[in-house]
Amino acid sequence: MISRVANRLRLAWAFLRTLVGDDAYDRYRAHQLSCHPGEPPLDRKAHYLLRQQEKWSGVSRCC
């Protein structure tokens, strides 16, 4: 019973992290290791800055 509750809490926490983007670096590292194993990965700070630059660069309004 307790392990079932703990498992559901773990799944809920993982879903919440994905929903708010908190696991973006973890997902990036998993992708990097599986698809680009020879390339050095970005560190957390560089990854964050790159994503912020991608998010806020360019036109973000209609007028």
Protein backbone atom coordinates (compact mmCIF):
# COMPACT_ATOMS: atom_id res chain seq x y z
CA MET A 1 0.00 0.00 0.00
CA ILE A 2 2.72 2.48 1.00
CA SER A 3 4.86 1.63 -2.02
CA ARG A 4 1.86 2.17 -4.31
CA VAL A 5 1.26 5.61 -2.77
CA ALA A 6 4.95 6.45 -2.99
CA ASN A 7 4.99 5.41 -6.65
CA ARG A 8 1.97 7.61 -7.43
CA LEU A 9 3.59 10.55 -5.64
CA ARG A 10 6.77 9.99 -7.63
CA LEU A 11 4.79 9.95 -10.88
CA ALA A 12 2.86 13.07 -9.88
CA TRP A 13 6.13 14.85 -9.05
CA ALA A 14 7.64 13.84 -12.40
CA PHE A 15 4.53 15.08 -14.22
CA LEU A 16 4.61 18.39 -12.35
CA ARG A 17 8.31 18.88 -13.16
CA THR A 18 7.59 18.26 -16.85
CA LEU A 19 4.57 20.55 -16.80
CA VAL A 20 6.53 23.53 -15.47
CA GLY A 21 9.74 22.75 -17.40
CA ASP A 22 11.86 21.97 -14.36
CA ASP A 23 13.16 18.76 -15.96
CA ALA A 24 14.26 20.43 -19.22
CA TYR A 25 17.95 19.95 -18.50
CA ASP A 26 17.44 16.29 -17.53
CA ARG A 27 15.55 15.67 -20.78
CA TYR A 28 18.27 17.53 -22.72
CA ARG A 29 20.99 15.34 -21.17
CA ALA A 30 19.07 12.14 -21.95
CA HIS A 31 18.64 13.27 -25.57
CA GLN A 32 22.29 14.35 -25.79
CA LEU A 33 23.54 11.00 -24.54
CA SER A 34 21.30 8.94 -26.81
CA CYS A 35 21.51 10.96 -30.05
CA HIS A 36 24.85 12.80 -29.82
CA PRO A 37 27.16 10.68 -27.64
CA GLY A 38 30.41 12.14 -28.98
CA GLU A 39 29.53 15.79 -28.40
CA PRO A 40 30.17 17.47 -25.05
CA PRO A 41 26.92 18.54 -23.36
CA LEU A 42 26.18 22.03 -22.13
CA ASP A 43 26.27 22.65 -18.41
CA ARG A 44 23.08 23.69 -16.61
CA LYS A 45 23.80 27.41 -16.77
CA ALA A 46 24.68 27.40 -20.48
CA HIS A 47 21.59 25.31 -21.23
CA TYR A 48 19.37 27.72 -19.28
CA LEU A 49 20.85 30.79 -21.00
CA LEU A 50 20.46 29.21 -24.44
CA ARG A 51 16.80 28.36 -23.79
CA GLN A 52 16.11 31.87 -22.50
CA GLN A 53 17.74 33.38 -25.57
CA GLU A 54 15.67 31.13 -27.86
CA LYS A 55 12.51 31.95 -25.94
CA TRP A 56 12.89 35.74 -25.92
CA SER A 57 14.64 36.49 -29.22
CA GLY A 58 12.73 37.54 -32.28
CA VAL A 59 9.36 39.23 -32.64
CA SER A 60 7.00 38.28 -29.85
CA ARG A 61 4.11 40.60 -30.57
CA CYS A 62 1.80 41.32 -33.46
CA CYS A 63 2.34 45.10 -33.83
